[in-house]
Amino acid sequence: MSQKITAILIEVATRQVRQVEIETGLESLCSALDGTNPEPVPIDRKNAIWIDREAAFATPEREQFTVRGYPATFVGNGLIFAHDGSGVSADTTLSAEHVATLIRWGTVHLKLDTVCIAEVA
């Protein structure tokens, strides 16, 4: 049985950060990420950014974002939500407004085996 949770969508095409409600489960997660291979990246003790780890290889040019205070660059959309102590998906404990202040946007251009960041806003 799936349930709805509150999450934060980091949408690279529109460069928007907004609160959304999604159903739990792989299909909803992949749909929100516009991808097929989701992977969590913990950002604090309760929340993780879910990304599609193959997004960078989908097209030669892909939008990306960074999160202040975190060393990674994320390609494609991101989705933040929390988990309870047993790993079950739960409402995020963060606000979209706060997350928006931490995001920096850019574009990744792929050349052979090299990723070059050509634009950072």
PDB file of N, CA and C in Angstrom:
ATOM      1  N   MET A   1       0.835  -1.176   0.000  1.00  0.00           N
ATOM      2  CA  MET A   1       0.000   0.000   0.000  1.00  0.00           C
ATOM      3  C   MET A   1       0.884   1.245   0.000  1.00  0.00           C
ATOM      4  N   SER A   2       0.682   2.119  -0.972  1.00  0.00           N
ATOM      5  CA  SER A   2       1.489   3.332  -1.006  1.00  0.00           C
ATOM      6  C   SER A   2       0.784   4.441  -0.232  1.00  0.00           C
ATOM      7  N   GLN A   3       1.580   5.375   0.205  1.00  0.00           N
ATOM      8  CA  GLN A   3       1.048   6.525   0.922  1.00  0.00           C
ATOM      9  C   GLN A   3       1.670   7.765   0.313  1.00  0.00           C
ATOM     10  N   LYS A   4       1.106   8.922   0.595  1.00  0.00           N
ATOM     11  CA  LYS A   4       1.668  10.172   0.099  1.00  0.00           C
ATOM     12  C   LYS A   4       2.568  10.780   1.162  1.00  0.00           C
ATOM     13  N   ILE A   5       3.664  11.365   0.690  1.00  0.00           N
ATOM     14  CA  ILE A   5       4.585  12.071   1.573  1.00  0.00           C
ATOM     15  C   ILE A   5       4.876  13.445   0.985  1.00  0.00           C
ATOM     16  N   THR A   6       5.278  14.364   1.850  1.00  0.00           N
ATOM     17  CA  THR A   6       5.694  15.692   1.414  1.00  0.00           C
ATOM     18  C   THR A   6       7.177  15.655   1.112  1.00  0.00           C
ATOM     19  N   ALA A   7       7.543  16.153  -0.066  1.00  0.00           N
ATOM     20  CA  ALA A   7       8.928  16.151  -0.512  1.00  0.00           C
ATOM     21  C   ALA A   7       9.255  17.517  -1.119  1.00  0.00           C
ATOM     22  N   ILE A   8      10.504  17.725  -1.418  1.00  0.00           N
ATOM     23  CA  ILE A   8      10.938  18.944  -2.089  1.00  0.00           C
ATOM     24  C   ILE A   8      11.535  18.541  -3.427  1.00  0.00           C
ATOM     25  N   LEU A   9      10.957  19.073  -4.499  1.00  0.00           N
ATOM     26  CA  LEU A   9      11.432  18.794  -5.849  1.00  0.00           C
ATOM     27  C   LEU A   9      12.383  19.898  -6.280  1.00  0.00           C
ATOM     28  N   ILE A  10      13.578  19.508  -6.696  1.00  0.00           N
ATOM     29  CA  ILE A  10      14.546  20.429  -7.273  1.00  0.00           C
ATOM     30  C   ILE A  10      14.493  20.171  -8.768  1.00  0.00           C
ATOM     31  N   GLU A  11      13.849  21.075  -9.482  1.00  0.00           N
ATOM     32  CA  GLU A  11      13.552  20.884 -10.910  1.00  0.00           C
ATOM     33  C   GLU A  11      14.523  21.700 -11.745  1.00  0.00           C
ATOM     34  N   VAL A  12      15.453  21.018 -12.412  1.00  0.00           N
ATOM     35  CA  VAL A  12      16.528  21.717 -13.099  1.00  0.00           C
ATOM     36  C   VAL A  12      16.085  22.433 -14.373  1.00  0.00           C
ATOM     37  N   ALA A  13      15.109  21.908 -15.088  1.00  0.00           N
ATOM     38  CA  ALA A  13      14.679  22.537 -16.339  1.00  0.00           C
ATOM     39  C   ALA A  13      14.106  23.938 -16.099  1.00  0.00           C
ATOM     40  N   THR A  14      13.382  24.092 -15.000  1.00  0.00           N
ATOM     41  CA  THR A  14      12.773  25.385 -14.682  1.00  0.00           C
ATOM     42  C   THR A  14      13.547  26.143 -13.615  1.00  0.00           C
ATOM     43  N   ARG A  15      14.561  25.489 -13.052  1.00  0.00           N
ATOM     44  CA  ARG A  15      15.366  26.066 -11.962  1.00  0.00           C
ATOM     45  C   ARG A  15      14.474  26.518 -10.803  1.00  0.00           C
ATOM     46  N   GLN A  16      13.588  25.613 -10.416  1.00  0.00           N
ATOM     47  CA  GLN A  16      12.667  25.875  -9.314  1.00  0.00           C
ATOM     48  C   GLN A  16      12.832  24.829  -8.223  1.00  0.00           C
ATOM     49  N   VAL A  17      12.590  25.261  -7.005  1.00  0.00           N
ATOM     50  CA  VAL A  17      12.565  24.381  -5.851  1.00  0.00           C
ATOM     51  C   VAL A  17      11.192  24.531  -5.238  1.00  0.00           C
ATOM     52  N   ARG A  18      10.451  23.429  -5.134  1.00  0.00           N
ATOM     53  CA  ARG A  18       9.087  23.533  -4.613  1.00  0.00           C
ATOM     54  C   ARG A  18       8.694  22.292  -3.840  1.00  0.00           C
ATOM     55  N   GLN A  19       7.743  22.504  -2.941  1.00  0.00           N
ATOM     56  CA  GLN A  19       7.202  21.394  -2.165  1.00  0.00           C
ATOM     57  C   GLN A  19       6.194  20.644  -3.016  1.00  0.00           C
ATOM     58  N   VAL A  20       6.245  19.331  -2.959  1.00  0.00           N
ATOM     59  CA  VAL A  20       5.319  18.478  -3.696  1.00  0.00           C
ATOM     60  C   VAL A  20       4.855  17.352  -2.788  1.00  0.00           C
ATOM     61  N   GLU A  21       3.762  16.733  -3.163  1.00  0.00           N
ATOM     62  CA  GLU A  21       3.321  15.497  -2.516  1.00  0.00           C
ATOM     63  C   GLU A  21       3.452  14.394  -3.535  1.00  0.00           C
ATOM     64  N   ILE A  22       4.120  13.315  -3.149  1.00  0.00           N
ATOM     65  CA  ILE A  22       4.262  12.174  -4.051  1.00  0.00           C
ATOM     66  C   ILE A  22       3.852  10.913  -3.315  1.00  0.00           C
ATOM     67  N   GLU A  23       3.485   9.934  -4.084  1.00  0.00           N
ATOM     68  CA  GLU A  23       3.225   8.621  -3.496  1.00  0.00           C
ATOM     69  C   GLU A  23       4.557   7.930  -3.283  1.00  0.00           C
ATOM     70  N   THR A  24       4.635   7.149  -2.222  1.00  0.00           N
ATOM     71  CA  THR A  24       5.846   6.381  -1.998  1.00  0.00           C
ATOM     72  C   THR A  24       5.911   5.271  -3.037  1.00  0.00           C
ATOM     73  N   GLY A  25       7.097   4.816  -3.314  1.00  0.00           N
ATOM     74  CA  GLY A  25       7.270   3.736  -4.280  1.00  0.00           C
ATOM     75  C   GLY A  25       8.188   4.143  -5.416  1.00  0.00           C
ATOM     76  N   LEU A  26       8.781   3.145  -6.023  1.00  0.00           N
ATOM     77  CA  LEU A  26       9.778   3.354  -7.062  1.00  0.00           C
ATOM     78  C   LEU A  26       9.215   4.081  -8.281  1.00  0.00           C
ATOM     79  N   GLU A  27       8.025   3.734  -8.708  1.00  0.00           N
ATOM     80  CA  GLU A  27       7.447   4.347  -9.906  1.00  0.00           C
ATOM     81  C   GLU A  27       7.259   5.854  -9.731  1.00  0.00           C
ATOM     82  N   SER A  28       6.733   6.284  -8.595  1.00  0.00           N
ATOM     83  CA  SER A  28       6.540   7.713  -8.329  1.00  0.00           C
ATOM     84  C   SER A  28       7.878   8.433  -8.214  1.00  0.00           C
ATOM     85  N   LEU A  29       8.836   7.795  -7.589  1.00  0.00           N
ATOM     86  CA  LEU A  29      10.161   8.382  -7.435  1.00  0.00           C
ATOM     87  C   LEU A  29      10.812   8.590  -8.804  1.00  0.00           C
ATOM     88  N   CYS A  30      10.786   7.584  -9.650  1.00  0.00           N
ATOM     89  CA  CYS A  30      11.359   7.697 -10.992  1.00  0.00           C
ATOM     90  C   CYS A  30      10.647   8.762 -11.813  1.00  0.00           C
ATOM     91  N   SER A  31       9.345   8.847 -11.692  1.00  0.00           N
ATOM     92  CA  SER A  31       8.579   9.855 -12.410  1.00  0.00           C
ATOM     93  C   SER A  31       8.980  11.262 -11.981  1.00  0.00           C
ATOM     94  N   ALA A  32       9.108  11.495 -10.683  1.00  0.00           N
ATOM     95  CA  ALA A  32       9.490  12.819 -10.178  1.00  0.00           C
ATOM     96  C   ALA A  32      10.902  13.189 -10.623  1.00  0.00           C
ATOM     97  N   LEU A  33      11.791  12.213 -10.681  1.00  0.00           N
ATOM     98  CA  LEU A  33      13.166  12.472 -11.074  1.00  0.00           C
ATOM     99  C   LEU A  33      13.353  12.509 -12.584  1.00  0.00           C
ATOM    100  N   ASP A  34      12.352  12.068 -13.321  1.00  0.00           N
ATOM    101  CA  ASP A  34      12.461  11.936 -14.773  1.00  0.00           C
ATOM    102  C   ASP A  34      13.642  11.021 -15.100  1.00  0.00           C
ATOM    103  N   GLY A  35      13.706   9.904 -14.384  1.00  0.00           N
ATOM    104  CA  GLY A  35      14.811   8.971 -14.552  1.00  0.00           C
ATOM    105  C   GLY A  35      14.389   7.549 -14.264  1.00  0.00           C
ATOM    106  N   THR A  36      15.370   6.645 -14.276  1.00  0.00           N
ATOM    107  CA  THR A  36      15.072   5.225 -14.075  1.00  0.00           C
ATOM    108  C   THR A  36      15.950   4.554 -13.032  1.00  0.00           C
ATOM    109  N   ASN A  37      16.933   5.265 -12.510  1.00  0.00           N
ATOM    110  CA  ASN A  37      17.886   4.625 -11.615  1.00  0.00           C
ATOM    111  C   ASN A  37      18.126   5.503 -10.383  1.00  0.00           C
ATOM    112  N   PRO A  38      17.141   5.611  -9.483  1.00  0.00           N
ATOM    113  CA  PRO A  38      17.271   6.520  -8.341  1.00  0.00           C
ATOM    114  C   PRO A  38      18.264   6.027  -7.286  1.00  0.00           C
ATOM    115  N   GLU A  39      18.932   7.008  -6.686  1.00  0.00           N
ATOM    116  CA  GLU A  39      19.905   6.710  -5.642  1.00  0.00           C
ATOM    117  C   GLU A  39      19.849   7.817  -4.593  1.00  0.00           C
ATOM    118  N   PRO A  40      19.828   7.457  -3.291  1.00  0.00           N
ATOM    119  CA  PRO A  40      19.793   8.487  -2.254  1.00  0.00           C
ATOM    120  C   PRO A  40      21.191   8.987  -1.897  1.00  0.00           C
ATOM    121  N   VAL A  41      21.247  10.280  -1.591  1.00  0.00           N
ATOM    122  CA  VAL A  41      22.471  10.888  -1.083  1.00  0.00           C
ATOM    123  C   VAL A  41      22.084  11.579   0.224  1.00  0.00           C
ATOM    124  N   PRO A  42      22.484  11.043   1.366  1.00  0.00           N
ATOM    125  CA  PRO A  42      22.099  11.648   2.647  1.00  0.00           C
ATOM    126  C   PRO A  42      22.613  13.083   2.763  1.00  0.00           C
ATOM    127  N   ILE A  43      21.736  13.975   3.262  1.00  0.00           N
ATOM    128  CA  ILE A  43      22.164  15.360   3.472  1.00  0.00           C
ATOM    129  C   ILE A  43      22.109  15.753   4.943  1.00  0.00           C
ATOM    130  N   ASP A  44      21.390  15.010   5.743  1.00  0.00           N
ATOM    131  CA  ASP A  44      21.417  15.164   7.197  1.00  0.00           C
ATOM    132  C   ASP A  44      20.935  13.852   7.796  1.00  0.00           C
ATOM    133  N   ARG A  45      20.679  13.830   9.086  1.00  0.00           N
ATOM    134  CA  ARG A  45      20.331  12.556   9.736  1.00  0.00           C
ATOM    135  C   ARG A  45      18.981  11.996   9.312  1.00  0.00           C
ATOM    136  N   LYS A  46      18.082  12.845   8.799  1.00  0.00           N
ATOM    137  CA  LYS A  46      16.750  12.368   8.429  1.00  0.00           C
ATOM    138  C   LYS A  46      16.465  12.428   6.941  1.00  0.00           C
ATOM    139  N   ASN A  47      17.062  13.402   6.234  1.00  0.00           N
ATOM    140  CA  ASN A  47      16.713  13.666   4.838  1.00  0.00           C
ATOM    141  C   ASN A  47      17.803  13.212   3.873  1.00  0.00           C
ATOM    142  N   ALA A  48      17.365  12.897   2.654  1.00  0.00           N
ATOM    143  CA  ALA A  48      18.292  12.554   1.571  1.00  0.00           C
ATOM    144  C   ALA A  48      17.798  13.206   0.287  1.00  0.00           C
ATOM    145  N   ILE A  49      18.740  13.558  -0.582  1.00  0.00           N
ATOM    146  CA  ILE A  49      18.395  13.973  -1.945  1.00  0.00           C
ATOM    147  C   ILE A  49      18.446  12.717  -2.791  1.00  0.00           C
ATOM    148  N   TRP A  50      17.350  12.426  -3.460  1.00  0.00           N
ATOM    149  CA  TRP A  50      17.333  11.308  -4.392  1.00  0.00           C
ATOM    150  C   TRP A  50      17.633  11.868  -5.773  1.00  0.00           C
ATOM    151  N   ILE A  51      18.542  11.218  -6.478  1.00  0.00           N
ATOM    152  CA  ILE A  51      18.921  11.627  -7.823  1.00  0.00           C
ATOM    153  C   ILE A  51      18.870  10.405  -8.736  1.00  0.00           C
ATOM    154  N   ASP A  52      18.869  10.660 -10.044  1.00  0.00           N
ATOM    155  CA  ASP A  52      18.981   9.572 -11.010  1.00  0.00           C
ATOM    156  C   ASP A  52      20.455   9.470 -11.383  1.00  0.00           C
ATOM    157  N   ARG A  53      21.125   8.420 -10.948  1.00  0.00           N
ATOM    158  CA  ARG A  53      22.579   8.355 -11.122  1.00  0.00           C
ATOM    159  C   ARG A  53      23.010   8.239 -12.572  1.00  0.00           C
ATOM    160  N   GLU A  54      22.097   7.959 -13.490  1.00  0.00           N
ATOM    161  CA  GLU A  54      22.454   7.887 -14.903  1.00  0.00           C
ATOM    162  C   GLU A  54      22.028   9.121 -15.682  1.00  0.00           C
ATOM    163  N   ALA A  55      21.544  10.152 -14.998  1.00  0.00           N
ATOM    164  CA  ALA A  55      21.035  11.358 -15.670  1.00  0.00           C
ATOM    165  C   ALA A  55      22.100  12.048 -16.513  1.00  0.00           C
ATOM    166  N   ALA A  56      23.324  12.057 -16.061  1.00  0.00           N
ATOM    167  CA  ALA A  56      24.382  12.756 -16.795  1.00  0.00           C
ATOM    168  C   ALA A  56      24.638  12.161 -18.166  1.00  0.00           C
ATOM    169  N   PHE A  57      24.256  10.906 -18.355  1.00  0.00           N
ATOM    170  CA  PHE A  57      24.532  10.240 -19.615  1.00  0.00           C
ATOM    171  C   PHE A  57      23.330  10.220 -20.552  1.00  0.00           C
ATOM    172  N   ALA A  58      22.229  10.854 -20.140  1.00  0.00           N
ATOM    173  CA  ALA A  58      21.008  10.843 -20.942  1.00  0.00           C
ATOM    174  C   ALA A  58      21.146  11.693 -22.202  1.00  0.00           C
ATOM    175  N   THR A  59      21.782  12.835 -22.105  1.00  0.00           N
ATOM    176  CA  THR A  59      21.995  13.737 -23.235  1.00  0.00           C
ATOM    177  C   THR A  59      23.370  14.375 -23.070  1.00  0.00           C
ATOM    178  N   PRO A  60      23.940  14.912 -24.159  1.00  0.00           N
ATOM    179  CA  PRO A  60      25.250  15.541 -24.047  1.00  0.00           C
ATOM    180  C   PRO A  60      25.252  16.799 -23.172  1.00  0.00           C
ATOM    181  N   GLU A  61      24.113  17.449 -23.041  1.00  0.00           N
ATOM    182  CA  GLU A  61      24.026  18.647 -22.209  1.00  0.00           C
ATOM    183  C   GLU A  61      22.897  18.449 -21.210  1.00  0.00           C
ATOM    184  N   ARG A  62      23.195  18.634 -19.958  1.00  0.00           N
ATOM    185  CA  ARG A  62      22.193  18.374 -18.928  1.00  0.00           C
ATOM    186  C   ARG A  62      22.329  19.396 -17.809  1.00  0.00           C
ATOM    187  N   GLU A  63      21.205  19.854 -17.310  1.00  0.00           N
ATOM    188  CA  GLU A  63      21.210  20.810 -16.213  1.00  0.00           C
ATOM    189  C   GLU A  63      21.678  20.135 -14.927  1.00  0.00           C
ATOM    190  N   GLN A  64      22.338  20.919 -14.072  1.00  0.00           N
ATOM    191  CA  GLN A  64      22.859  20.385 -12.829  1.00  0.00           C
ATOM    192  C   GLN A  64      22.654  21.400 -11.717  1.00  0.00           C
ATOM    193  N   PHE A  65      22.859  20.930 -10.480  1.00  0.00           N
ATOM    194  CA  PHE A  65      22.802  21.820  -9.334  1.00  0.00           C
ATOM    195  C   PHE A  65      23.784  21.356  -8.271  1.00  0.00           C
ATOM    196  N   THR A  66      24.159  22.295  -7.424  1.00  0.00           N
ATOM    197  CA  THR A  66      24.953  21.971  -6.254  1.00  0.00           C
ATOM    198  C   THR A  66      24.186  22.468  -5.031  1.00  0.00           C
ATOM    199  N   VAL A  67      24.528  21.910  -3.890  1.00  0.00           N
ATOM    200  CA  VAL A  67      23.923  22.304  -2.624  1.00  0.00           C
ATOM    201  C   VAL A  67      25.040  22.859  -1.748  1.00  0.00           C
ATOM    202  N   ARG A  68      24.881  24.110  -1.312  1.00  0.00           N
ATOM    203  CA  ARG A  68      25.911  24.736  -0.479  1.00  0.00           C
ATOM    204  C   ARG A  68      26.230  23.845   0.721  1.00  0.00           C
ATOM    205  N   GLY A  69      27.518  23.663   0.963  1.00  0.00           N
ATOM    206  CA  GLY A  69      27.953  22.841   2.087  1.00  0.00           C
ATOM    207  C   GLY A  69      28.103  21.367   1.755  1.00  0.00           C
ATOM    208  N   TYR A  70      27.770  20.992   0.516  1.00  0.00           N
ATOM    209  CA  TYR A  70      27.882  19.588   0.114  1.00  0.00           C
ATOM    210  C   TYR A  70      28.798  19.518  -1.099  1.00  0.00           C
ATOM    211  N   PRO A  71      29.786  18.644  -1.127  1.00  0.00           N
ATOM    212  CA  PRO A  71      30.810  18.670  -2.172  1.00  0.00           C
ATOM    213  C   PRO A  71      30.388  18.144  -3.550  1.00  0.00           C
ATOM    214  N   ALA A  72      29.252  17.499  -3.671  1.00  0.00           N
ATOM    215  CA  ALA A  72      28.871  16.862  -4.936  1.00  0.00           C
ATOM    216  C   ALA A  72      28.118  17.817  -5.857  1.00  0.00           C
ATOM    217  N   THR A  73      28.204  17.526  -7.164  1.00  0.00           N
ATOM    218  CA  THR A  73      27.377  18.172  -8.174  1.00  0.00           C
ATOM    219  C   THR A  73      26.342  17.145  -8.607  1.00  0.00           C
ATOM    220  N   PHE A  74      25.075  17.550  -8.633  1.00  0.00           N
ATOM    221  CA  PHE A  74      23.983  16.644  -8.987  1.00  0.00           C
ATOM    222  C   PHE A  74      23.464  17.002 -10.367  1.00  0.00           C
ATOM    223  N   VAL A  75      23.355  16.009 -11.240  1.00  0.00           N
ATOM    224  CA  VAL A  75      22.865  16.218 -12.598  1.00  0.00           C
ATOM    225  C   VAL A  75      21.435  15.710 -12.676  1.00  0.00           C
ATOM    226  N   GLY A  76      20.556  16.519 -13.266  1.00  0.00           N
ATOM    227  CA  GLY A  76      19.147  16.158 -13.360  1.00  0.00           C
ATOM    228  C   GLY A  76      18.384  16.617 -12.126  1.00  0.00           C
ATOM    229  N   ASN A  77      17.120  16.248 -12.060  1.00  0.00           N
ATOM    230  CA  ASN A  77      16.262  16.647 -10.944  1.00  0.00           C
ATOM    231  C   ASN A  77      16.700  15.985  -9.642  1.00  0.00           C
ATOM    232  N   GLY A  78      16.315  16.608  -8.541  1.00  0.00           N
ATOM    233  CA  GLY A  78      16.536  16.030  -7.228  1.00  0.00           C
ATOM    234  C   GLY A  78      15.228  16.005  -6.458  1.00  0.00           C
ATOM    235  N   LEU A  79      15.091  15.088  -5.548  1.00  0.00           N
ATOM    236  CA  LEU A  79      13.894  14.984  -4.728  1.00  0.00           C
ATOM    237  C   LEU A  79      14.339  14.710  -3.295  1.00  0.00           C
ATOM    238  N   ILE A  80      13.937  15.597  -2.387  1.00  0.00           N
ATOM    239  CA  ILE A  80      14.327  15.459  -0.982  1.00  0.00           C
ATOM    240  C   ILE A  80      13.135  14.985  -0.172  1.00  0.00           C
ATOM    241  N   PHE A  81      13.338  13.913   0.572  1.00  0.00           N
ATOM    242  CA  PHE A  81      12.357  13.511   1.576  1.00  0.00           C
ATOM    243  C   PHE A  81      13.085  12.793   2.694  1.00  0.00           C
ATOM    244  N   ALA A  82      12.390  12.564   3.774  1.00  0.00           N
ATOM    245  CA  ALA A  82      12.992  11.982   4.972  1.00  0.00           C
ATOM    246  C   ALA A  82      12.681  10.487   5.050  1.00  0.00           C
ATOM    247  N   HIS A  83      13.193   9.884   6.093  1.00  0.00           N
ATOM    248  CA  HIS A  83      12.883   8.486   6.410  1.00  0.00           C
ATOM    249  C   HIS A  83      12.767   8.379   7.918  1.00  0.00           C
ATOM    250  N   ASP A  84      11.978   7.435   8.338  1.00  0.00           N
ATOM    251  CA  ASP A  84      11.907   7.212   9.784  1.00  0.00           C
ATOM    252  C   ASP A  84      13.094   6.337  10.176  1.00  0.00           C
ATOM    253  N   GLY A  85      13.217   6.012  11.404  1.00  0.00           N
ATOM    254  CA  GLY A  85      14.361   5.242  11.882  1.00  0.00           C
ATOM    255  C   GLY A  85      14.531   3.889  11.237  1.00  0.00           C
ATOM    256  N   SER A  86      13.462   3.338  10.685  1.00  0.00           N
ATOM    257  CA  SER A  86      13.558   2.011  10.070  1.00  0.00           C
ATOM    258  C   SER A  86      13.721   2.069   8.557  1.00  0.00           C
ATOM    259  N   GLY A  87      13.891   3.283   7.989  1.00  0.00           N
ATOM    260  CA  GLY A  87      14.108   3.416   6.559  1.00  0.00           C
ATOM    261  C   GLY A  87      12.858   3.634   5.737  1.00  0.00           C
ATOM    262  N   VAL A  88      11.704   3.751   6.376  1.00  0.00           N
ATOM    263  CA  VAL A  88      10.455   3.988   5.653  1.00  0.00           C
ATOM    264  C   VAL A  88      10.381   5.460   5.269  1.00  0.00           C
ATOM    265  N   SER A  89       9.970   5.757   4.025  1.00  0.00           N
ATOM    266  CA  SER A  89       9.871   7.126   3.539  1.00  0.00           C
ATOM    267  C   SER A  89       8.912   7.941   4.395  1.00  0.00           C
ATOM    268  N   ALA A  90       9.283   9.207   4.620  1.00  0.00           N
ATOM    269  CA  ALA A  90       8.478  10.094   5.463  1.00  0.00           C
ATOM    270  C   ALA A  90       8.565  11.523   4.923  1.00  0.00           C
ATOM    271  N   ASP A  91       7.685  12.394   5.436  1.00  0.00           N
ATOM    272  CA  ASP A  91       7.698  13.801   5.044  1.00  0.00           C
ATOM    273  C   ASP A  91       9.060  14.414   5.330  1.00  0.00           C
ATOM    274  N   THR A  92       9.526  15.276   4.422  1.00  0.00           N
ATOM    275  CA  THR A  92      10.780  15.979   4.648  1.00  0.00           C
ATOM    276  C   THR A  92      10.648  16.889   5.868  1.00  0.00           C
ATOM    277  N   THR A  93      11.749  17.109   6.540  1.00  0.00           N
ATOM    278  CA  THR A  93      11.759  18.021   7.686  1.00  0.00           C
ATOM    279  C   THR A  93      12.268  19.404   7.269  1.00  0.00           C
ATOM    280  N   LEU A  94      12.570  19.575   5.980  1.00  0.00           N
ATOM    281  CA  LEU A  94      13.086  20.834   5.452  1.00  0.00           C
ATOM    282  C   LEU A  94      11.997  21.597   4.714  1.00  0.00           C
ATOM    283  N   SER A  95      12.197  22.905   4.528  1.00  0.00           N
ATOM    284  CA  SER A  95      11.248  23.699   3.737  1.00  0.00           C
ATOM    285  C   SER A  95      11.841  23.983   2.365  1.00  0.00           C
ATOM    286  N   ALA A  96      10.980  24.117   1.380  1.00  0.00           N
ATOM    287  CA  ALA A  96      11.430  24.444   0.029  1.00  0.00           C
ATOM    288  C   ALA A  96      12.137  25.794   0.012  1.00  0.00           C
ATOM    289  N   GLU A  97      11.660  26.728   0.804  1.00  0.00           N
ATOM    290  CA  GLU A  97      12.268  28.064   0.851  1.00  0.00           C
ATOM    291  C   GLU A  97      13.711  27.977   1.341  1.00  0.00           C
ATOM    292  N   HIS A  98      13.938  27.198   2.380  1.00  0.00           N
ATOM    293  CA  HIS A  98      15.299  27.038   2.907  1.00  0.00           C
ATOM    294  C   HIS A  98      16.199  26.343   1.885  1.00  0.00           C
ATOM    295  N   VAL A  99      15.721  25.266   1.289  1.00  0.00           N
ATOM    296  CA  VAL A  99      16.517  24.525   0.311  1.00  0.00           C
ATOM    297  C   VAL A  99      16.872  25.420  -0.876  1.00  0.00           C
ATOM    298  N   ALA A 100      15.937  26.259  -1.312  1.00  0.00           N
ATOM    299  CA  ALA A 100      16.183  27.148  -2.455  1.00  0.00           C
ATOM    300  C   ALA A 100      17.374  28.074  -2.205  1.00  0.00           C
ATOM    301  N   THR A 101      17.597  28.471  -0.965  1.00  0.00           N
ATOM    302  CA  THR A 101      18.726  29.355  -0.662  1.00  0.00           C
ATOM    303  C   THR A 101      20.066  28.618  -0.736  1.00  0.00           C
ATOM    304  N   LEU A 102      20.035  27.300  -0.760  1.00  0.00           N
ATOM    305  CA  LEU A 102      21.256  26.498  -0.776  1.00  0.00           C
ATOM    306  C   LEU A 102      21.650  26.004  -2.163  1.00  0.00           C
ATOM    307  N   ILE A 103      20.766  26.209  -3.149  1.00  0.00           N
ATOM    308  CA  ILE A 103      20.961  25.645  -4.490  1.00  0.00           C
ATOM    309  C   ILE A 103      21.697  26.625  -5.396  1.00  0.00           C
ATOM    310  N   ARG A 104      22.627  26.090  -6.184  1.00  0.00           N
ATOM    311  CA  ARG A 104      23.304  26.841  -7.235  1.00  0.00           C
ATOM    312  C   ARG A 104      23.131  26.041  -8.527  1.00  0.00           C
ATOM    313  N   TRP A 105      22.702  26.712  -9.596  1.00  0.00           N
ATOM    314  CA  TRP A 105      22.360  26.047 -10.853  1.00  0.00           C
ATOM    315  C   TRP A 105      23.504  26.112 -11.848  1.00  0.00           C
ATOM    316  N   GLY A 106      23.530  25.178 -12.794  1.00  0.00           N
ATOM    317  CA  GLY A 106      24.513  25.187 -13.872  1.00  0.00           C
ATOM    318  C   GLY A 106      24.131  24.213 -14.957  1.00  0.00           C
ATOM    319  N   THR A 107      24.994  24.113 -15.980  1.00  0.00           N
ATOM    320  CA  THR A 107      24.783  23.194 -17.089  1.00  0.00           C
ATOM    321  C   THR A 107      26.045  22.367 -17.267  1.00  0.00           C
ATOM    322  N   VAL A 108      25.864  21.091 -17.463  1.00  0.00           N
ATOM    323  CA  VAL A 108      26.977  20.178 -17.692  1.00  0.00           C
ATOM    324  C   VAL A 108      27.018  19.854 -19.178  1.00  0.00           C
ATOM    325  N   HIS A 109      28.199  19.939 -19.766  1.00  0.00           N
ATOM    326  CA  HIS A 109      28.412  19.536 -21.156  1.00  0.00           C
ATOM    327  C   HIS A 109      29.337  18.329 -21.144  1.00  0.00           C
ATOM    328  N   LEU A 110      28.902  17.250 -21.753  1.00  0.00           N
ATOM    329  CA  LEU A 110      29.719  16.034 -21.792  1.00  0.00           C
ATOM    330  C   LEU A 110      30.555  16.003 -23.060  1.00  0.00           C
ATOM    331  N   LYS A 111      31.845  15.713 -22.909  1.00  0.00           N
ATOM    332  CA  LYS A 111      32.747  15.529 -24.040  1.00  0.00           C
ATOM    333  C   LYS A 111      33.569  14.285 -23.752  1.00  0.00           C
ATOM    334  N   LEU A 112      33.468  13.292 -24.613  1.00  0.00           N
ATOM    335  CA  LEU A 112      34.155  12.023 -24.418  1.00  0.00           C
ATOM    336  C   LEU A 112      33.934  11.519 -23.000  1.00  0.00           C
ATOM    337  N   ASP A 113      34.973  11.380 -22.208  1.00  0.00           N
ATOM    338  CA  ASP A 113      34.829  10.901 -20.840  1.00  0.00           C
ATOM    339  C   ASP A 113      34.975  12.019 -19.823  1.00  0.00           C
ATOM    340  N   THR A 114      34.815  13.258 -20.260  1.00  0.00           N
ATOM    341  CA  THR A 114      35.038  14.406 -19.389  1.00  0.00           C
ATOM    342  C   THR A 114      33.736  15.164 -19.189  1.00  0.00           C
ATOM    343  N   VAL A 115      33.501  15.614 -17.984  1.00  0.00           N
ATOM    344  CA  VAL A 115      32.356  16.467 -17.691  1.00  0.00           C
ATOM    345  C   VAL A 115      32.900  17.874 -17.459  1.00  0.00           C
ATOM    346  N   CYS A 116      32.403  18.827 -18.241  1.00  0.00           N
ATOM    347  CA  CYS A 116      32.832  20.219 -18.114  1.00  0.00           C
ATOM    348  C   CYS A 116      31.639  21.060 -17.692  1.00  0.00           C
ATOM    349  N   ILE A 117      31.780  21.831 -16.645  1.00  0.00           N
ATOM    350  CA  ILE A 117      30.712  22.744 -16.244  1.00  0.00           C
ATOM    351  C   ILE A 117      30.929  24.026 -17.015  1.00  0.00           C
ATOM    352  N   ALA A 118      29.984  24.344 -17.906  1.00  0.00           N
ATOM    353  CA  ALA A 118      30.143  25.494 -18.779  1.00  0.00           C
ATOM    354  C   ALA A 118      29.438  26.734 -18.259  1.00  0.00           C
ATOM    355  N   GLU A 119      28.461  26.549 -17.418  1.00  0.00           N
ATOM    356  CA  GLU A 119      27.680  27.692 -16.941  1.00  0.00           C
ATOM    357  C   GLU A 119      27.287  27.443 -15.510  1.00  0.00           C
ATOM    358  N   VAL A 120      27.463  28.434 -14.690  1.00  0.00           N
ATOM    359  CA  VAL A 120      27.001  28.362 -13.313  1.00  0.00           C
ATOM    360  C   VAL A 120      26.276  29.650 -13.007  1.00  0.00           C
ATOM    361  N   ALA A 121      25.059  29.543 -12.517  1.00  0.00           N
ATOM    362  CA  ALA A 121      24.263  30.746 -12.209  1.00  0.00           C
ATOM    363  C   ALA A 121      24.129  30.927 -10.728  1.00  0.00           C
TER     364      ALA A 121
END
